[in-house]
Amino acid sequence: MLADTCMTVPQIAPNDVASRRLLQRLPRLQLVERQLDRLNSLLRQILPDNRFYANKLAEHPQQLASLDEWSQYPFTVKDELIPTSDMPQHARNLTYSPAHYVRFHRTSGTHGEPLVVLDTAADWQWWIDTWQYVLDAAAIDVTDRIAMAFSFGPFIGFWTANDALVARGALVIPGGGMSTRARLDLILKEQATVVCCTPSYALHLAAVAAEQHIDIGASAVRCLIVAGEPGGSLPAVRQRIETAWNATVIDHAGATEIGPWGFADSAGRGLRVVETEFIAEFIRVDDQQPAASGQLAELVLTSLGRTGAPVLRYRTGDLVRPTWTTDVENQFVFLEGGVLGRVDDMMIVRGVNVFPSAVEQILREFPTLHEYRLTVRRDGEMDSLCIEIEADSDLATQIRHLLQLRLGLSVDLQRVDTGTLPRFEHKGQRFIDLRK
């Protein structure tokens, strides 16, 4: 059917930028055919050894004739992966016995109980290869010196970025177990050209630099690769980081149980899904039916290259706004604004739907605002929102006015002393949900 339009599709190599660019230009029909081949190959490799999916898919064909059939298969949700008595330590979707695995990670626990996930050597290589799309977006080459502003604990974080950068041939500068001031000194002394960290920590590094009278904008850093939380594609957050560092922000999205699924578009307006390695679906929040282009939707992902810990039709809980692009240079689906928030974080305050990321976008427009925290409680059948800010009275008045203007409601805004609210090295936890 595709013989007339088919181009030769090369294999992805860790340092082969040209091959990845070719794959991004694949017409949608060819991309779908490639995904179908990868999906059927994955199913052949994991079934019936993977007990979790062998049971879950027992009533469905183990091979698909068309990707259209995939929407009839069951979703996977994170709670299903939580260990049980038959597999008490690790995620339930592991295909092999623990002896086959070489990498251990644990989710951060930000959205529920921490989950231990293992990777085989082949799976880890898939992580490294897929991360190269992110490094392409950042134009990383062998001349770069990358500072890893990350603690390197069991959370997956930038572990895969570290190995992907090594495969790329760049110089990697580890920063685990160091204070913020020590990391700043390391970035300056080693003339790092790239910093890998969360958006929260990029802002915290800049704030500490300002307190210490360090001109971080005059450093050799040309870009920051950020991940771990929404923010890298939010205009106000991007602008604050880029202004403070005099450098470009490159957003990335991934998850321990899924893989490195998203990389920044060239204009920094959002994320592209790596559709050669993931099948992306989008479902409306209210009825779980397929979302149209431009609609707010929950992202559903199937990882195609991770046989040791596969996830099939995994409901990520991430809210996105997909657009199927007509850009001939990149056919991968585009998510405007990146990850906009979490399905379970949505608040209904006096009849108005409010997401934490929408509040953050407003607050980050005030450069002199030091830190903030949102706390939501259930008041009868309604949600009530309290926003704590480290700001003086004049700034608080401006913030209150803009929140009311943009959100269409007045919120409980409370001033606290500077330094009162916590700072974050990894994922920022500025949203406290007490409704549960």
Protein backbone atom coordinates (compact mmCIF):
# COMPACT_ATOMS: atom_id res chain seq x y z
CA MET A 1 0.00 0.00 0.00
CA LEU A 2 2.89 2.37 0.79
CA ALA A 3 5.31 1.11 -1.81
CA ASP A 4 5.08 4.22 -3.98
CA THR A 5 5.90 6.63 -1.15
CA CYS A 6 8.19 4.52 0.99
CA MET A 7 11.69 5.84 1.66
CA THR A 8 14.51 3.76 3.08
CA VAL A 9 14.29 4.11 6.86
CA PRO A 10 17.71 3.80 8.49
CA GLN A 11 18.34 2.33 11.90
CA ILE A 12 18.77 4.87 14.69
CA ALA A 13 22.36 5.09 15.87
CA PRO A 14 23.29 6.91 19.09
CA ASN A 15 25.23 9.62 17.27
CA ASP A 16 23.45 9.59 13.92
CA VAL A 17 21.59 12.89 13.82
CA ALA A 18 20.80 12.51 10.11
CA SER A 19 18.97 9.21 10.69
CA ARG A 20 16.80 10.72 13.41
CA ARG A 21 15.98 13.71 11.20
CA LEU A 22 14.86 11.32 8.45
CA LEU A 23 12.61 9.52 10.88
CA GLN A 24 11.03 12.78 12.02
CA ARG A 25 10.14 13.57 8.40
CA LEU A 26 8.35 10.26 7.79
CA PRO A 27 4.81 10.79 6.43
CA ARG A 28 2.13 9.86 8.94
CA LEU A 29 1.10 6.66 7.10
CA GLN A 30 4.67 5.38 7.10
CA LEU A 31 5.12 6.30 10.73
CA VAL A 32 1.98 4.34 11.66
CA GLU A 33 3.20 1.32 9.69
CA ARG A 34 6.50 1.48 11.54
CA GLN A 35 4.70 1.69 14.89
CA LEU A 36 2.56 -1.32 13.99
CA ASP A 37 5.64 -3.39 13.12
CA ARG A 38 7.34 -2.38 16.37
CA LEU A 39 4.22 -3.11 18.42
CA ASN A 40 3.75 -6.59 16.96
CA SER A 41 7.44 -7.31 17.50
CA LEU A 42 7.16 -6.17 21.13
CA LEU A 43 4.13 -8.39 21.74
CA ARG A 44 5.98 -11.40 20.29
CA GLN A 45 8.92 -10.75 22.61
CA ILE A 46 7.02 -10.24 25.86
CA LEU A 47 4.19 -12.79 25.54
CA PRO A 48 3.57 -15.13 27.26
CA ASP A 49 6.58 -14.59 29.58
CA ASN A 50 5.24 -11.28 30.87
CA ARG A 51 2.55 -12.60 33.23
CA PHE A 52 1.05 -9.18 33.83
CA TYR A 53 0.28 -8.54 30.17
CA ALA A 54 -0.39 -12.19 29.32
CA ASN A 55 -3.30 -12.03 31.76
CA LYS A 56 -4.34 -8.52 30.80
CA LEU A 57 -4.44 -9.27 27.06
CA ALA A 58 -5.77 -12.83 27.33
CA GLU A 59 -8.96 -11.98 25.46
CA HIS A 60 -7.24 -10.00 22.71
CA PRO A 61 -5.21 -11.08 19.65
CA GLN A 62 -1.47 -11.14 20.23
CA GLN A 63 -0.85 -9.62 16.79
CA LEU A 64 -2.60 -6.69 15.14
CA ALA A 65 -3.47 -6.27 11.46
CA SER A 66 -3.92 -2.51 11.87
CA LEU A 67 -3.03 0.04 14.51
CA ASP A 68 -6.71 1.05 14.53
CA GLU A 69 -7.33 -2.14 16.54
CA TRP A 70 -5.10 -0.90 19.37
CA SER A 71 -7.82 1.38 20.77
CA GLN A 72 -9.82 -1.77 21.69
CA TYR A 73 -7.11 -3.05 24.02
CA PRO A 74 -7.23 -2.21 27.76
CA PHE A 75 -5.53 0.76 29.34
CA THR A 76 -2.76 0.34 31.93
CA VAL A 77 -2.76 2.56 35.03
CA LYS A 78 0.01 3.01 37.57
CA ASP A 79 -1.93 1.45 40.45
CA GLU A 80 -1.94 -1.84 38.55
CA LEU A 81 1.86 -1.91 38.58
CA ILE A 82 2.17 -1.60 42.36
CA PRO A 83 3.75 -4.79 43.81
CA THR A 84 1.53 -7.54 45.15
CA SER A 85 2.17 -10.76 47.05
CA ASP A 86 3.21 -12.60 43.86
CA MET A 87 5.85 -9.94 43.08
CA PRO A 88 6.39 -8.11 46.38
CA GLN A 89 9.36 -5.88 45.52
CA HIS A 90 9.20 -4.69 41.92
CA ALA A 91 6.71 -3.38 39.39
CA ARG A 92 4.33 -6.11 38.27
CA ASN A 93 4.95 -5.61 34.53
CA LEU A 94 8.48 -7.07 34.51
CA THR A 95 8.94 -9.65 31.76
CA TYR A 96 11.91 -11.58 33.19
CA SER A 97 13.26 -12.73 36.54
CA PRO A 98 15.36 -10.14 38.46
CA ALA A 99 18.61 -11.85 37.36
CA HIS A 100 18.08 -10.49 33.83
CA TYR A 101 18.13 -6.83 34.94
CA VAL A 102 21.07 -4.45 35.42
CA ARG A 103 19.44 -1.11 36.37
CA PHE A 104 17.30 -0.18 39.38
CA HIS A 105 15.10 2.93 39.60
CA ARG A 106 12.31 4.09 41.84
CA THR A 107 9.68 6.68 41.02
CA SER A 108 9.75 9.90 43.03
CA GLY A 109 6.45 9.20 44.77
CA THR A 110 5.13 12.67 43.88
CA HIS A 111 1.88 11.12 42.65
CA GLY A 112 1.39 8.06 44.85
CA GLU A 113 3.45 5.22 46.25
CA PRO A 114 7.05 4.94 44.91
CA LEU A 115 7.36 2.19 42.31
CA VAL A 116 10.54 0.16 41.71
CA VAL A 117 11.25 -0.43 38.01
CA LEU A 118 14.14 -2.47 36.59
CA ASP A 119 15.83 -2.35 33.16
CA THR A 120 17.79 -4.92 31.20
CA ALA A 121 20.99 -3.91 29.41
CA ALA A 122 19.06 -3.77 26.12
CA ASP A 123 16.35 -1.61 27.68
CA TRP A 124 18.96 0.77 29.06
CA GLN A 125 20.49 1.12 25.61
CA TRP A 126 17.02 1.97 24.30
CA TRP A 127 16.81 4.77 26.90
CA ILE A 128 20.20 6.09 25.78
CA ASP A 129 19.32 5.97 22.09
CA THR A 130 15.95 7.66 22.60
CA TRP A 131 17.52 10.41 24.73
CA GLN A 132 19.53 11.42 21.66
CA TYR A 133 16.45 13.26 20.34
CA VAL A 134 16.68 15.56 23.36
CA LEU A 135 20.40 16.07 22.80
CA ASP A 136 19.75 16.84 19.13
CA ALA A 137 17.35 19.59 20.22
CA ALA A 138 20.11 21.01 22.43
CA ALA A 139 22.70 20.65 19.61
CA ILE A 140 25.07 18.77 21.94
CA ASP A 141 28.42 17.82 20.44
CA VAL A 142 31.85 16.67 21.62
CA THR A 143 32.93 20.22 22.50
CA ASP A 144 30.25 20.58 25.17
CA ARG A 145 30.88 20.32 28.92
CA ILE A 146 27.73 19.27 30.73
CA ALA A 147 27.16 19.92 34.44
CA MET A 148 24.75 17.42 35.99
CA ALA A 149 23.05 19.38 38.80
CA PHE A 150 21.40 16.26 40.17
CA SER A 151 21.89 14.04 43.22
CA PHE A 152 21.86 10.66 41.37
CA GLY A 153 19.69 8.77 43.85
CA PRO A 154 17.27 5.96 42.89
CA PHE A 155 14.94 8.40 41.05
CA ILE A 156 15.63 7.99 37.32
CA GLY A 157 16.14 11.75 36.81
CA PHE A 158 19.19 12.39 34.68
CA TRP A 159 20.79 8.95 35.01
CA THR A 160 19.93 8.13 31.40
CA ALA A 161 20.94 11.62 30.28
CA ASN A 162 24.35 11.02 31.83
CA ASP A 163 24.90 7.83 29.82
CA ALA A 164 23.40 9.35 26.65
CA LEU A 165 25.84 12.25 26.90
CA VAL A 166 28.75 9.86 27.37
CA ALA A 167 27.61 7.97 24.25
CA ARG A 168 27.47 11.33 22.47
CA GLY A 169 31.10 11.99 23.31
CA ALA A 170 30.54 15.09 25.45
CA LEU A 171 32.36 15.74 28.73
CA VAL A 172 30.05 15.01 31.68
CA ILE A 173 30.66 16.81 34.98
CA PRO A 174 28.88 15.05 37.89
CA GLY A 175 27.39 17.21 40.63
CA GLY A 176 25.88 14.69 43.01
CA GLY A 177 26.21 15.17 46.76
CA MET A 178 27.11 18.87 46.46
CA SER A 179 25.56 22.01 47.87
CA THR A 180 24.04 24.54 45.50
CA ARG A 181 26.95 26.93 46.05
CA ALA A 182 29.46 24.14 45.34
CA ARG A 183 27.63 23.27 42.12
CA LEU A 184 27.73 26.89 41.03
CA ASP A 185 31.47 26.97 41.65
CA LEU A 186 31.87 23.77 39.63
CA ILE A 187 29.83 25.16 36.73
CA LEU A 188 31.98 28.30 36.64
CA LYS A 189 35.39 26.72 37.20
CA GLU A 190 34.87 23.95 34.66
CA GLN A 191 33.28 26.38 32.17
CA ALA A 192 30.24 24.17 31.69
CA THR A 193 28.36 24.94 28.48
CA VAL A 194 25.21 22.97 29.42
CA VAL A 195 23.41 22.37 32.73
CA CYS A 196 20.97 19.48 33.31
CA CYS A 197 18.46 20.01 36.14
CA THR A 198 14.78 20.58 36.94
CA PRO A 199 13.18 23.96 36.12
CA SER A 200 12.80 24.59 39.86
CA TYR A 201 16.48 23.99 40.47
CA ALA A 202 17.53 26.16 37.53
CA LEU A 203 15.69 29.04 39.18
CA HIS A 204 17.12 28.17 42.60
CA LEU A 205 20.68 28.08 41.22
CA ALA A 206 20.10 31.51 39.68
CA ALA A 207 18.67 32.87 42.95
CA VAL A 208 21.65 31.63 44.98
CA ALA A 209 24.02 33.06 42.36
CA ALA A 210 22.34 36.45 42.72
CA GLU A 211 22.59 36.27 46.54
CA GLN A 212 26.31 35.51 46.21
CA HIS A 213 26.79 38.32 43.65
CA ILE A 214 27.70 35.78 40.95
CA ASP A 215 26.87 36.90 37.41
CA ILE A 216 25.59 33.55 36.17
CA GLY A 217 24.50 35.17 32.91
CA ALA A 218 28.16 35.80 32.08
CA SER A 219 29.10 32.12 32.46
CA ALA A 220 29.87 29.77 29.57
CA VAL A 221 26.46 28.07 29.90
CA ARG A 222 24.64 28.29 26.57
CA CYS A 223 21.64 26.07 27.37
CA LEU A 224 19.88 24.22 30.17
CA ILE A 225 18.19 20.85 29.61
CA VAL A 226 15.32 20.71 32.07
CA ALA A 227 13.02 17.83 33.03
CA GLY A 228 11.17 16.28 35.94
CA GLU A 229 8.25 18.73 36.17
CA PRO A 230 6.15 21.07 34.01
CA GLY A 231 7.79 24.41 33.43
CA GLY A 232 10.31 24.06 30.63
CA SER A 233 7.63 24.87 28.05
CA LEU A 234 5.66 27.40 30.14
CA PRO A 235 6.53 30.83 28.65
CA ALA A 236 6.89 32.67 31.98
CA VAL A 237 9.09 29.97 33.51
CA ARG A 238 11.23 29.69 30.37
CA GLN A 239 11.68 33.44 30.25
CA ARG A 240 12.78 33.66 33.88
CA ILE A 241 15.35 30.89 33.46
CA GLU A 242 16.64 32.16 30.12
CA THR A 243 16.91 35.74 31.39
CA ALA A 244 18.74 34.74 34.57
CA TRP A 245 21.18 32.43 32.78
CA ASN A 246 21.40 34.26 29.45
CA ALA A 247 20.95 30.79 27.92
CA THR A 248 18.37 28.70 26.08
CA VAL A 249 16.02 26.28 27.85
CA ILE A 250 15.53 22.83 26.27
CA ASP A 251 12.53 21.00 27.71
CA HIS A 252 12.27 17.22 28.03
CA ALA A 253 9.63 14.83 29.35
CA GLY A 254 9.90 11.25 30.51
CA ALA A 255 9.03 8.95 33.38
CA THR A 256 10.58 6.00 35.19
CA GLU A 257 7.83 3.61 34.17
CA ILE A 258 7.57 4.90 30.56
CA GLY A 259 10.87 6.17 29.20
CA PRO A 260 12.15 9.44 27.63
CA TRP A 261 9.15 10.25 25.48
CA GLY A 262 9.34 13.99 24.71
CA PHE A 263 11.79 16.58 23.42
CA ALA A 264 11.61 20.33 22.80
CA ASP A 265 10.53 21.78 19.48
CA SER A 266 12.86 24.20 17.75
CA ALA A 267 10.89 27.29 18.84
CA GLY A 268 10.62 26.21 22.49
CA ARG A 269 6.82 26.35 22.41
CA GLY A 270 6.24 22.77 23.52
CA LEU A 271 7.23 19.13 23.14
CA ARG A 272 7.36 16.57 20.37
CA VAL A 273 6.54 12.95 21.19
CA VAL A 274 9.21 10.51 19.94
CA GLU A 275 6.70 8.59 17.86
CA THR A 276 9.23 6.14 16.47
CA GLU A 277 9.63 4.79 20.01
CA PHE A 278 6.17 5.44 21.47
CA ILE A 279 2.57 5.18 20.34
CA ALA A 280 0.81 8.30 21.61
CA GLU A 281 -2.94 8.47 22.16
CA PHE A 282 -4.99 11.31 23.57
CA ILE A 283 -8.25 10.89 25.46
CA ARG A 284 -10.68 13.50 26.68
CA VAL A 285 -10.75 13.82 30.45
CA ASP A 286 -14.53 13.69 30.79
CA ASP A 287 -15.40 10.59 28.70
CA GLN A 288 -12.04 8.96 27.73
CA GLN A 289 -12.90 9.20 24.05
CA PRO A 290 -10.23 10.19 21.49
CA ALA A 291 -9.41 13.89 21.62
CA ALA A 292 -9.31 16.08 18.53
CA SER A 293 -6.40 18.29 17.56
CA GLY A 294 -6.11 21.23 19.94
CA GLN A 295 -8.28 19.71 22.68
CA LEU A 296 -7.09 19.33 26.26
CA ALA A 297 -6.45 15.63 26.77
CA GLU A 298 -4.77 12.99 28.90
CA LEU A 299 -1.67 11.50 27.27
CA VAL A 300 -1.66 7.71 26.82
CA LEU A 301 1.64 6.07 25.82
CA THR A 302 2.88 2.67 24.68
CA SER A 303 6.66 2.17 24.85
CA LEU A 304 7.90 0.18 21.85
CA GLY A 305 11.51 -0.60 22.73
CA ARG A 306 11.50 -1.67 26.38
CA THR A 307 10.84 -5.40 26.55
CA GLY A 308 11.96 -5.87 30.17
CA ALA A 309 9.38 -3.46 31.62
CA PRO A 310 6.85 -2.64 28.89
CA VAL A 311 3.87 -0.36 29.34
CA LEU A 312 0.94 -0.75 26.94
CA ARG A 313 -1.68 1.99 26.58
CA TYR A 314 -0.40 3.58 29.79
CA ARG A 315 -2.48 6.43 31.16
CA THR A 316 0.20 8.90 32.16
CA GLY A 317 -2.10 11.31 33.99
CA ASP A 318 -0.40 14.16 32.09
CA LEU A 319 -2.59 16.84 30.55
CA VAL A 320 -1.51 17.98 27.09
CA ARG A 321 -2.88 19.73 24.02
CA PRO A 322 -1.93 17.72 20.91
CA THR A 323 -1.58 19.06 17.38
CA TRP A 324 -0.84 16.87 14.40
CA THR A 325 1.64 18.95 12.52
CA THR A 326 1.91 19.77 8.83
CA ASP A 327 5.58 20.67 9.27
CA VAL A 328 7.44 18.59 6.67
CA GLU A 329 10.60 18.74 8.78
CA ASN A 330 8.95 17.10 11.78
CA GLN A 331 5.82 14.95 11.60
CA PHE A 332 5.89 13.89 15.26
CA VAL A 333 2.80 15.03 17.18
CA PHE A 334 3.30 18.41 18.86
CA LEU A 335 2.17 19.24 22.40
CA GLU A 336 1.69 22.98 22.71
CA GLY A 337 3.00 24.18 26.06
CA GLY A 338 4.41 20.72 26.85
CA VAL A 339 2.90 19.00 29.87
CA LEU A 340 0.26 21.41 31.16
CA GLY A 341 -0.49 19.64 34.42
CA ARG A 342 -1.92 16.47 35.93
CA VAL A 343 -5.44 15.13 35.54
CA ASP A 344 -5.72 14.57 39.30
CA ASP A 345 -4.40 18.06 40.09
CA MET A 346 -7.33 19.89 38.50
CA MET A 347 -9.24 22.06 40.98
CA ILE A 348 -12.80 23.34 40.67
CA VAL A 349 -12.83 26.58 42.62
CA ARG A 350 -16.30 28.19 42.68
CA GLY A 351 -17.14 26.53 39.39
CA VAL A 352 -13.87 27.45 37.63
CA ASN A 353 -11.45 24.72 36.47
CA VAL A 354 -7.96 25.66 37.67
CA PHE A 355 -4.67 23.84 37.09
CA PRO A 356 -1.50 24.45 39.14
CA SER A 357 0.48 25.12 35.94
CA ALA A 358 -1.93 27.93 35.03
CA VAL A 359 -1.31 29.54 38.41
CA GLU A 360 2.45 29.08 38.06
CA GLN A 361 2.39 30.74 34.63
CA ILE A 362 0.83 33.82 36.23
CA LEU A 363 3.10 33.90 39.29
CA ARG A 364 6.29 33.48 37.26
CA GLU A 365 5.48 36.69 35.37
CA PHE A 366 6.66 38.55 38.48
CA PRO A 367 10.49 38.38 38.49
CA THR A 368 10.79 39.59 42.09
CA LEU A 369 8.54 36.84 43.49
CA HIS A 370 10.85 34.55 45.43
CA GLU A 371 8.78 31.41 46.03
CA TYR A 372 5.19 30.23 46.31
CA ARG A 373 3.04 27.30 47.44
CA LEU A 374 -0.50 26.22 46.52
CA THR A 375 -2.67 24.29 48.96
CA VAL A 376 -6.06 22.92 47.93
CA ARG A 377 -8.63 21.59 50.40
CA ARG A 378 -12.13 20.19 50.04
CA ASP A 379 -14.75 22.49 51.54
CA GLY A 380 -18.01 20.54 51.40
CA GLU A 381 -18.53 19.80 47.69
CA MET A 382 -16.16 22.57 46.58
CA ASP A 383 -12.39 22.98 46.34
CA SER A 384 -10.75 25.89 48.16
CA LEU A 385 -7.35 27.19 47.10
CA CYS A 386 -4.80 29.02 49.24
CA ILE A 387 -1.70 30.58 47.64
CA GLU A 388 1.26 31.49 49.86
CA ILE A 389 3.79 33.89 48.36
CA GLU A 390 7.10 35.36 49.48
CA ALA A 391 6.40 38.95 48.47
CA ASP A 392 5.88 42.44 49.89
CA SER A 393 2.43 44.02 50.09
CA ASP A 394 2.73 45.99 46.83
CA LEU A 395 3.73 42.89 44.87
CA ALA A 396 0.96 40.87 46.56
CA THR A 397 -1.59 43.44 45.37
CA GLN A 398 -0.35 43.14 41.78
CA ILE A 399 -0.43 39.35 41.94
CA ARG A 400 -3.94 39.28 43.42
CA HIS A 401 -5.19 41.54 40.63
CA LEU A 402 -3.65 39.45 37.84
CA LEU A 403 -4.89 36.17 39.33
CA GLN A 404 -8.42 37.55 39.44
CA LEU A 405 -8.12 38.90 35.89
CA ARG A 406 -6.72 35.70 34.37
CA LEU A 407 -8.57 33.05 36.41
CA GLY A 408 -11.85 34.89 36.77
CA LEU A 409 -11.98 34.45 40.54
CA SER A 410 -10.46 35.82 43.73
CA VAL A 411 -8.27 33.44 45.69
CA ASP A 412 -6.99 33.29 49.25
CA LEU A 413 -3.55 34.91 48.84
CA GLN A 414 -1.29 34.94 51.90
CA ARG A 415 2.06 36.68 52.29
CA VAL A 416 4.85 34.88 54.12
CA ASP A 417 8.40 35.94 54.98
CA THR A 418 11.16 35.43 52.41
CA GLY A 419 12.92 32.12 53.00
CA THR A 420 9.88 30.57 54.71
CA LEU A 421 8.84 28.28 51.85
CA PRO A 422 10.95 25.29 50.79
CA ARG A 423 13.40 25.30 47.87
CA PHE A 424 13.77 22.29 45.61
CA GLU A 425 16.71 20.50 44.04
CA HIS A 426 14.61 17.97 42.12
CA LYS A 427 10.90 18.07 41.39
CA GLY A 428 9.30 21.13 42.89
CA GLN A 429 6.48 20.24 45.30
CA ARG A 430 4.63 23.55 45.36
CA PHE A 431 1.20 21.98 45.07
CA ILE A 432 -0.19 20.44 48.27
CA ASP A 433 -3.40 18.50 47.67
CA LEU A 434 -5.27 17.87 50.93
CA ARG A 435 -8.53 16.78 49.26
CA LYS A 436 -7.66 13.08 49.58
